[in-house]
Amino acid sequence: MNTILSNFRTYQHETRNILSENEIMDLSPTSEFVLLYTEETDYDKLIKEIFEPIDMIFPEEGHEFLTNFFSEVIVIQIVFL
């Protein structure tokens, strides 16, 4: 985690954008920061370290519901009279 934080500090000094200026670390897989300053193994560890505790907050039923809900294909039918 310390490596990623020092990499982020370097990124902040080298790059100016609204996220880095507000000390927000964009951890999306295709972000400039992730692509330029993280190794894949570090990124995987970081994501796991950050999100595993959050995942533990939600009961398994909630996780299952959300997974099923977002996996469904929703069809909206519009009927013209």
PDB file of N, CA and C in Angstrom:
ATOM      1  N   MET A   1       0.835  -1.199   0.000  1.00  0.00           N
ATOM      2  CA  MET A   1       0.000   0.000   0.000  1.00  0.00           C
ATOM      3  C   MET A   1       0.876   1.259   0.000  1.00  0.00           C
ATOM      4  N   ASN A   2       2.016   1.217   0.683  1.00  0.00           N
ATOM      5  CA  ASN A   2       2.898   2.382   0.712  1.00  0.00           C
ATOM      6  C   ASN A   2       3.439   2.715  -0.666  1.00  0.00           C
ATOM      7  N   THR A   3       3.744   1.686  -1.449  1.00  0.00           N
ATOM      8  CA  THR A   3       4.265   1.902  -2.801  1.00  0.00           C
ATOM      9  C   THR A   3       3.226   2.615  -3.658  1.00  0.00           C
ATOM     10  N   ILE A   4       2.000   2.176  -3.566  1.00  0.00           N
ATOM     11  CA  ILE A   4       0.945   2.781  -4.383  1.00  0.00           C
ATOM     12  C   ILE A   4       0.725   4.233  -3.966  1.00  0.00           C
ATOM     13  N   LEU A   5       0.852   4.511  -2.669  1.00  0.00           N
ATOM     14  CA  LEU A   5       0.680   5.891  -2.209  1.00  0.00           C
ATOM     15  C   LEU A   5       1.825   6.783  -2.679  1.00  0.00           C
ATOM     16  N   SER A   6       3.041   6.277  -2.629  1.00  0.00           N
ATOM     17  CA  SER A   6       4.164   7.090  -3.120  1.00  0.00           C
ATOM     18  C   SER A   6       4.072   7.266  -4.638  1.00  0.00           C
ATOM     19  N   ASN A   7       3.607   6.243  -5.339  1.00  0.00           N
ATOM     20  CA  ASN A   7       3.393   6.371  -6.789  1.00  0.00           C
ATOM     21  C   ASN A   7       2.326   7.417  -7.088  1.00  0.00           C
ATOM     22  N   PHE A   8       1.304   7.442  -6.240  1.00  0.00           N
ATOM     23  CA  PHE A   8       0.240   8.424  -6.442  1.00  0.00           C
ATOM     24  C   PHE A   8       0.761   9.844  -6.208  1.00  0.00           C
ATOM     25  N   ARG A   9       1.609  10.021  -5.222  1.00  0.00           N
ATOM     26  CA  ARG A   9       2.208  11.340  -4.963  1.00  0.00           C
ATOM     27  C   ARG A   9       3.048  11.780  -6.177  1.00  0.00           C
ATOM     28  N   THR A  10       3.797  10.858  -6.738  1.00  0.00           N
ATOM     29  CA  THR A  10       4.582  11.167  -7.942  1.00  0.00           C
ATOM     30  C   THR A  10       3.653  11.559  -9.084  1.00  0.00           C
ATOM     31  N   TYR A  11       2.594  10.781  -9.260  1.00  0.00           N
ATOM     32  CA  TYR A  11       1.608  11.055 -10.302  1.00  0.00           C
ATOM     33  C   TYR A  11       0.992  12.443 -10.114  1.00  0.00           C
ATOM     34  N   GLN A  12       0.676  12.800  -8.879  1.00  0.00           N
ATOM     35  CA  GLN A  12       0.082  14.111  -8.612  1.00  0.00           C
ATOM     36  C   GLN A  12       1.014  15.241  -9.031  1.00  0.00           C
ATOM     37  N   HIS A  13       2.302  15.076  -8.814  1.00  0.00           N
ATOM     38  CA  HIS A  13       3.260  16.115  -9.164  1.00  0.00           C
ATOM     39  C   HIS A  13       3.483  16.195 -10.671  1.00  0.00           C
ATOM     40  N   GLU A  14       3.324  15.090 -11.358  1.00  0.00           N
ATOM     41  CA  GLU A  14       3.583  15.060 -12.798  1.00  0.00           C
ATOM     42  C   GLU A  14       2.353  15.344 -13.648  1.00  0.00           C
ATOM     43  N   THR A  15       1.186  15.105 -13.090  1.00  0.00           N
ATOM     44  CA  THR A  15      -0.048  15.216 -13.857  1.00  0.00           C
ATOM     45  C   THR A  15      -1.030  16.123 -13.139  1.00  0.00           C
ATOM     46  N   ARG A  16      -1.649  16.985 -13.884  1.00  0.00           N
ATOM     47  CA  ARG A  16      -2.668  17.861 -13.300  1.00  0.00           C
ATOM     48  C   ARG A  16      -4.012  17.532 -13.929  1.00  0.00           C
ATOM     49  N   ASN A  17      -4.891  17.002 -13.102  1.00  0.00           N
ATOM     50  CA  ASN A  17      -6.274  16.813 -13.520  1.00  0.00           C
ATOM     51  C   ASN A  17      -7.146  16.979 -12.287  1.00  0.00           C
ATOM     52  N   ILE A  18      -8.419  17.057 -12.482  1.00  0.00           N
ATOM     53  CA  ILE A  18      -9.323  17.379 -11.370  1.00  0.00           C
ATOM     54  C   ILE A  18      -9.270  16.326 -10.261  1.00  0.00           C
ATOM     55  N   LEU A  19      -9.048  15.064 -10.631  1.00  0.00           N
ATOM     56  CA  LEU A  19      -8.986  14.017  -9.609  1.00  0.00           C
ATOM     57  C   LEU A  19      -7.717  14.140  -8.778  1.00  0.00           C
ATOM     58  N   SER A  20      -6.583  14.199  -9.431  1.00  0.00           N
ATOM     59  CA  SER A  20      -5.318  14.250  -8.689  1.00  0.00           C
ATOM     60  C   SER A  20      -5.192  15.534  -7.880  1.00  0.00           C
ATOM     61  N   GLU A  21      -5.711  16.635  -8.397  1.00  0.00           N
ATOM     62  CA  GLU A  21      -5.664  17.895  -7.651  1.00  0.00           C
ATOM     63  C   GLU A  21      -6.492  17.824  -6.370  1.00  0.00           C
ATOM     64  N   ASN A  22      -7.502  16.979  -6.356  1.00  0.00           N
ATOM     65  CA  ASN A  22      -8.352  16.814  -5.179  1.00  0.00           C
ATOM     66  C   ASN A  22      -7.999  15.554  -4.389  1.00  0.00           C
ATOM     67  N   GLU A  23      -6.809  15.026  -4.671  1.00  0.00           N
ATOM     68  CA  GLU A  23      -6.279  13.848  -3.990  1.00  0.00           C
ATOM     69  C   GLU A  23      -7.194  12.634  -4.089  1.00  0.00           C
ATOM     70  N   ILE A  24      -7.820  12.492  -5.251  1.00  0.00           N
ATOM     71  CA  ILE A  24      -8.664  11.333  -5.520  1.00  0.00           C
ATOM     72  C   ILE A  24      -7.891  10.399  -6.437  1.00  0.00           C
ATOM     73  N   MET A  25      -7.745   9.173  -5.997  1.00  0.00           N
ATOM     74  CA  MET A  25      -6.999   8.173  -6.757  1.00  0.00           C
ATOM     75  C   MET A  25      -7.988   7.386  -7.627  1.00  0.00           C
ATOM     76  N   ASP A  26      -7.870   7.532  -8.932  1.00  0.00           N
ATOM     77  CA  ASP A  26      -8.726   6.787  -9.859  1.00  0.00           C
ATOM     78  C   ASP A  26      -8.172   5.376  -9.986  1.00  0.00           C
ATOM     79  N   LEU A  27      -8.884   4.409  -9.441  1.00  0.00           N
ATOM     80  CA  LEU A  27      -8.424   3.029  -9.453  1.00  0.00           C
ATOM     81  C   LEU A  27      -9.128   2.183 -10.507  1.00  0.00           C
ATOM     82  N   SER A  28      -9.806   2.827 -11.439  1.00  0.00           N
ATOM     83  CA  SER A  28     -10.414   2.040 -12.514  1.00  0.00           C
ATOM     84  C   SER A  28      -9.280   1.425 -13.339  1.00  0.00           C
ATOM     85  N   PRO A  29      -9.478   0.221 -13.848  1.00  0.00           N
ATOM     86  CA  PRO A  29      -8.396  -0.509 -14.519  1.00  0.00           C
ATOM     87  C   PRO A  29      -7.768   0.219 -15.702  1.00  0.00           C
ATOM     88  N   THR A  30      -8.498   1.125 -16.331  1.00  0.00           N
ATOM     89  CA  THR A  30      -7.960   1.807 -17.504  1.00  0.00           C
ATOM     90  C   THR A  30      -7.570   3.255 -17.225  1.00  0.00           C
ATOM     91  N   SER A  31      -7.524   3.633 -15.946  1.00  0.00           N
ATOM     92  CA  SER A  31      -7.145   5.012 -15.635  1.00  0.00           C
ATOM     93  C   SER A  31      -5.671   5.236 -15.943  1.00  0.00           C
ATOM     94  N   GLU A  32      -5.349   6.475 -16.219  1.00  0.00           N
ATOM     95  CA  GLU A  32      -3.971   6.833 -16.528  1.00  0.00           C
ATOM     96  C   GLU A  32      -3.039   6.452 -15.376  1.00  0.00           C
ATOM     97  N   PHE A  33      -3.465   6.729 -14.161  1.00  0.00           N
ATOM     98  CA  PHE A  33      -2.652   6.406 -12.991  1.00  0.00           C
ATOM     99  C   PHE A  33      -2.365   4.907 -12.910  1.00  0.00           C
ATOM    100  N   VAL A  34      -3.387   4.105 -13.031  1.00  0.00           N
ATOM    101  CA  VAL A  34      -3.209   2.647 -12.936  1.00  0.00           C
ATOM    102  C   VAL A  34      -2.316   2.133 -14.053  1.00  0.00           C
ATOM    103  N   LEU A  35      -2.545   2.597 -15.262  1.00  0.00           N
ATOM    104  CA  LEU A  35      -1.763   2.111 -16.399  1.00  0.00           C
ATOM    105  C   LEU A  35      -0.296   2.519 -16.340  1.00  0.00           C
ATOM    106  N   LEU A  36      -0.024   3.715 -15.829  1.00  0.00           N
ATOM    107  CA  LEU A  36       1.348   4.217 -15.825  1.00  0.00           C
ATOM    108  C   LEU A  36       2.135   3.911 -14.547  1.00  0.00           C
ATOM    109  N   TYR A  37       1.438   3.782 -13.421  1.00  0.00           N
ATOM    110  CA  TYR A  37       2.155   3.746 -12.149  1.00  0.00           C
ATOM    111  C   TYR A  37       1.952   2.493 -11.310  1.00  0.00           C
ATOM    112  N   THR A  38       1.221   1.537 -11.792  1.00  0.00           N
ATOM    113  CA  THR A  38       1.040   0.320 -10.990  1.00  0.00           C
ATOM    114  C   THR A  38       1.387  -0.918 -11.806  1.00  0.00           C
ATOM    115  N   GLU A  39       1.896  -1.882 -11.105  1.00  0.00           N
ATOM    116  CA  GLU A  39       2.105  -3.199 -11.700  1.00  0.00           C
ATOM    117  C   GLU A  39       0.820  -3.986 -11.486  1.00  0.00           C
ATOM    118  N   GLU A  40       0.563  -4.939 -12.333  1.00  0.00           N
ATOM    119  CA  GLU A  40      -0.677  -5.703 -12.242  1.00  0.00           C
ATOM    120  C   GLU A  40      -0.819  -6.391 -10.885  1.00  0.00           C
ATOM    121  N   THR A  41       0.262  -6.959 -10.376  1.00  0.00           N
ATOM    122  CA  THR A  41       0.177  -7.654  -9.084  1.00  0.00           C
ATOM    123  C   THR A  41      -0.089  -6.673  -7.949  1.00  0.00           C
ATOM    124  N   ASP A  42       0.532  -5.493  -7.995  1.00  0.00           N
ATOM    125  CA  ASP A  42       0.265  -4.472  -6.975  1.00  0.00           C
ATOM    126  C   ASP A  42      -1.177  -4.009  -7.041  1.00  0.00           C
ATOM    127  N   TYR A  43      -1.668  -3.828  -8.254  1.00  0.00           N
ATOM    128  CA  TYR A  43      -3.044  -3.374  -8.450  1.00  0.00           C
ATOM    129  C   TYR A  43      -4.025  -4.391  -7.873  1.00  0.00           C
ATOM    130  N   ASP A  44      -3.817  -5.663  -8.167  1.00  0.00           N
ATOM    131  CA  ASP A  44      -4.707  -6.707  -7.654  1.00  0.00           C
ATOM    132  C   ASP A  44      -4.700  -6.739  -6.133  1.00  0.00           C
ATOM    133  N   LYS A  45      -3.519  -6.626  -5.536  1.00  0.00           N
ATOM    134  CA  LYS A  45      -3.408  -6.611  -4.071  1.00  0.00           C
ATOM    135  C   LYS A  45      -4.126  -5.402  -3.486  1.00  0.00           C
ATOM    136  N   LEU A  46      -3.941  -4.260  -4.110  1.00  0.00           N
ATOM    137  CA  LEU A  46      -4.555  -3.035  -3.630  1.00  0.00           C
ATOM    138  C   LEU A  46      -6.077  -3.125  -3.668  1.00  0.00           C
ATOM    139  N   ILE A  47      -6.605  -3.566  -4.792  1.00  0.00           N
ATOM    140  CA  ILE A  47      -8.063  -3.690  -4.926  1.00  0.00           C
ATOM    141  C   ILE A  47      -8.608  -4.646  -3.878  1.00  0.00           C
ATOM    142  N   LYS A  48      -7.918  -5.750  -3.674  1.00  0.00           N
ATOM    143  CA  LYS A  48      -8.352  -6.722  -2.681  1.00  0.00           C
ATOM    144  C   LYS A  48      -8.299  -6.115  -1.280  1.00  0.00           C
ATOM    145  N   GLU A  49      -7.226  -5.409  -0.980  1.00  0.00           N
ATOM    146  CA  GLU A  49      -7.049  -4.808   0.337  1.00  0.00           C
ATOM    147  C   GLU A  49      -8.128  -3.759   0.622  1.00  0.00           C
ATOM    148  N   ILE A  50      -8.495  -3.002  -0.393  1.00  0.00           N
ATOM    149  CA  ILE A  50      -9.496  -1.947  -0.210  1.00  0.00           C
ATOM    150  C   ILE A  50     -10.911  -2.507  -0.138  1.00  0.00           C
ATOM    151  N   PHE A  51     -11.245  -3.419  -1.044  1.00  0.00           N
ATOM    152  CA  PHE A  51     -12.636  -3.822  -1.175  1.00  0.00           C
ATOM    153  C   PHE A  51     -13.031  -5.058  -0.379  1.00  0.00           C
ATOM    154  N   GLU A  52     -12.088  -5.869   0.050  1.00  0.00           N
ATOM    155  CA  GLU A  52     -12.442  -7.052   0.826  1.00  0.00           C
ATOM    156  C   GLU A  52     -13.170  -6.683   2.132  1.00  0.00           C
ATOM    157  N   PRO A  53     -12.669  -5.710   2.907  1.00  0.00           N
ATOM    158  CA  PRO A  53     -13.400  -5.333   4.120  1.00  0.00           C
ATOM    159  C   PRO A  53     -14.797  -4.780   3.822  1.00  0.00           C
ATOM    160  N   ILE A  54     -14.927  -4.072   2.702  1.00  0.00           N
ATOM    161  CA  ILE A  54     -16.240  -3.536   2.328  1.00  0.00           C
ATOM    162  C   ILE A  54     -17.182  -4.683   1.986  1.00  0.00           C
ATOM    163  N   ASP A  55     -16.671  -5.684   1.279  1.00  0.00           N
ATOM    164  CA  ASP A  55     -17.487  -6.842   0.923  1.00  0.00           C
ATOM    165  C   ASP A  55     -17.997  -7.573   2.157  1.00  0.00           C
ATOM    166  N   MET A  56     -17.223  -7.554   3.231  1.00  0.00           N
ATOM    167  CA  MET A  56     -17.605  -8.267   4.451  1.00  0.00           C
ATOM    168  C   MET A  56     -18.792  -7.595   5.153  1.00  0.00           C
ATOM    169  N   ILE A  57     -19.038  -6.329   4.858  1.00  0.00           N
ATOM    170  CA  ILE A  57     -20.143  -5.597   5.481  1.00  0.00           C
ATOM    171  C   ILE A  57     -21.489  -6.125   5.000  1.00  0.00           C
ATOM    172  N   PHE A  58     -21.559  -6.499   3.734  1.00  0.00           N
ATOM    173  CA  PHE A  58     -22.822  -6.916   3.136  1.00  0.00           C
ATOM    174  C   PHE A  58     -23.068  -8.404   3.362  1.00  0.00           C
ATOM    175  N   PRO A  59     -24.292  -8.758   3.770  1.00  0.00           N
ATOM    176  CA  PRO A  59     -24.600 -10.184   3.920  1.00  0.00           C
ATOM    177  C   PRO A  59     -24.606 -10.874   2.563  1.00  0.00           C
ATOM    178  N   GLU A  60     -24.379 -12.165   2.573  1.00  0.00           N
ATOM    179  CA  GLU A  60     -24.313 -12.945   1.331  1.00  0.00           C
ATOM    180  C   GLU A  60     -25.603 -12.798   0.515  1.00  0.00           C
ATOM    181  N   GLU A  61     -26.755 -12.716   1.194  1.00  0.00           N
ATOM    182  CA  GLU A  61     -28.028 -12.587   0.480  1.00  0.00           C
ATOM    183  C   GLU A  61     -28.077 -11.282  -0.317  1.00  0.00           C
ATOM    184  N   GLY A  62     -27.526 -10.205   0.260  1.00  0.00           N
ATOM    185  CA  GLY A  62     -27.501  -8.925  -0.437  1.00  0.00           C
ATOM    186  C   GLY A  62     -26.604  -8.989  -1.660  1.00  0.00           C
ATOM    187  N   HIS A  63     -25.464  -9.629  -1.500  1.00  0.00           N
ATOM    188  CA  HIS A  63     -24.535  -9.786  -2.624  1.00  0.00           C
ATOM    189  C   HIS A  63     -25.181 -10.614  -3.726  1.00  0.00           C
ATOM    190  N   GLU A  64     -25.857 -11.689  -3.338  1.00  0.00           N
ATOM    191  CA  GLU A  64     -26.529 -12.562  -4.308  1.00  0.00           C
ATOM    192  C   GLU A  64     -27.636 -11.807  -5.036  1.00  0.00           C
ATOM    193  N   PHE A  65     -28.413 -11.018  -4.280  1.00  0.00           N
ATOM    194  CA  PHE A  65     -29.493 -10.235  -4.887  1.00  0.00           C
ATOM    195  C   PHE A  65     -28.941  -9.268  -5.927  1.00  0.00           C
ATOM    196  N   LEU A  66     -27.899  -8.518  -5.562  1.00  0.00           N
ATOM    197  CA  LEU A  66     -27.332  -7.538  -6.493  1.00  0.00           C
ATOM    198  C   LEU A  66     -26.733  -8.206  -7.728  1.00  0.00           C
ATOM    199  N   THR A  67     -26.065  -9.325  -7.531  1.00  0.00           N
ATOM    200  CA  THR A  67     -25.494 -10.059  -8.660  1.00  0.00           C
ATOM    201  C   THR A  67     -26.598 -10.502  -9.608  1.00  0.00           C
ATOM    202  N   ASN A  68     -27.654 -11.078  -9.057  1.00  0.00           N
ATOM    203  CA  ASN A  68     -28.775 -11.534  -9.887  1.00  0.00           C
ATOM    204  C   ASN A  68     -29.481 -10.361 -10.564  1.00  0.00           C
ATOM    205  N   PHE A  69     -29.695  -9.289  -9.805  1.00  0.00           N
ATOM    206  CA  PHE A  69     -30.400  -8.128 -10.333  1.00  0.00           C
ATOM    207  C   PHE A  69     -29.672  -7.541 -11.532  1.00  0.00           C
ATOM    208  N   PHE A  70     -28.359  -7.352 -11.412  1.00  0.00           N
ATOM    209  CA  PHE A  70     -27.614  -6.740 -12.505  1.00  0.00           C
ATOM    210  C   PHE A  70     -27.277  -7.717 -13.623  1.00  0.00           C
ATOM    211  N   SER A  71     -27.555  -8.996 -13.413  1.00  0.00           N
ATOM    212  CA  SER A  71     -27.340  -9.988 -14.460  1.00  0.00           C
ATOM    213  C   SER A  71     -28.575 -10.168 -15.335  1.00  0.00           C
ATOM    214  N   GLU A  72     -29.724  -9.713 -14.841  1.00  0.00           N
ATOM    215  CA  GLU A  72     -30.965  -9.890 -15.580  1.00  0.00           C
ATOM    216  C   GLU A  72     -31.019  -8.971 -16.787  1.00  0.00           C
ATOM    217  N   VAL A  73     -31.648  -9.467 -17.808  1.00  0.00           N
ATOM    218  CA  VAL A  73     -31.905  -8.658 -18.997  1.00  0.00           C
ATOM    219  C   VAL A  73     -33.294  -8.067 -18.821  1.00  0.00           C
ATOM    220  N   ILE A  74     -33.336  -6.764 -18.799  1.00  0.00           N
ATOM    221  CA  ILE A  74     -34.604  -6.081 -18.586  1.00  0.00           C
ATOM    222  C   ILE A  74     -35.095  -5.563 -19.917  1.00  0.00           C
ATOM    223  N   VAL A  75     -36.337  -5.905 -20.226  1.00  0.00           N
ATOM    224  CA  VAL A  75     -36.940  -5.489 -21.481  1.00  0.00           C
ATOM    225  C   VAL A  75     -38.073  -4.523 -21.146  1.00  0.00           C
ATOM    226  N   ILE A  76     -38.024  -3.380 -21.769  1.00  0.00           N
ATOM    227  CA  ILE A  76     -39.086  -2.396 -21.585  1.00  0.00           C
ATOM    228  C   ILE A  76     -39.870  -2.352 -22.896  1.00  0.00           C
ATOM    229  N   GLN A  77     -41.157  -2.573 -22.736  1.00  0.00           N
ATOM    230  CA  GLN A  77     -42.017  -2.591 -23.920  1.00  0.00           C
ATOM    231  C   GLN A  77     -42.877  -1.326 -23.897  1.00  0.00           C
ATOM    232  N   ILE A  78     -42.839  -0.580 -24.971  1.00  0.00           N
ATOM    233  CA  ILE A  78     -43.647   0.630 -25.078  1.00  0.00           C
ATOM    234  C   ILE A  78     -44.793   0.334 -26.034  1.00  0.00           C
ATOM    235  N   VAL A  79     -45.966   0.580 -25.554  1.00  0.00           N
ATOM    236  CA  VAL A  79     -47.160   0.346 -26.360  1.00  0.00           C
ATOM    237  C   VAL A  79     -47.720   1.691 -26.799  1.00  0.00           C
ATOM    238  N   PHE A  80     -47.848   1.861 -28.090  1.00  0.00           N
ATOM    239  CA  PHE A  80     -48.426   3.080 -28.637  1.00  0.00           C
ATOM    240  C   PHE A  80     -49.899   2.830 -28.904  1.00  0.00           C
ATOM    241  N   LEU A  81     -50.711   3.731 -28.446  1.00  0.00           N
ATOM    242  CA  LEU A  81     -52.161   3.594 -28.676  1.00  0.00           C
ATOM    243  C   LEU A  81     -52.592   4.357 -29.889  1.00  0.00           C
TER     244      LEU A  81
END
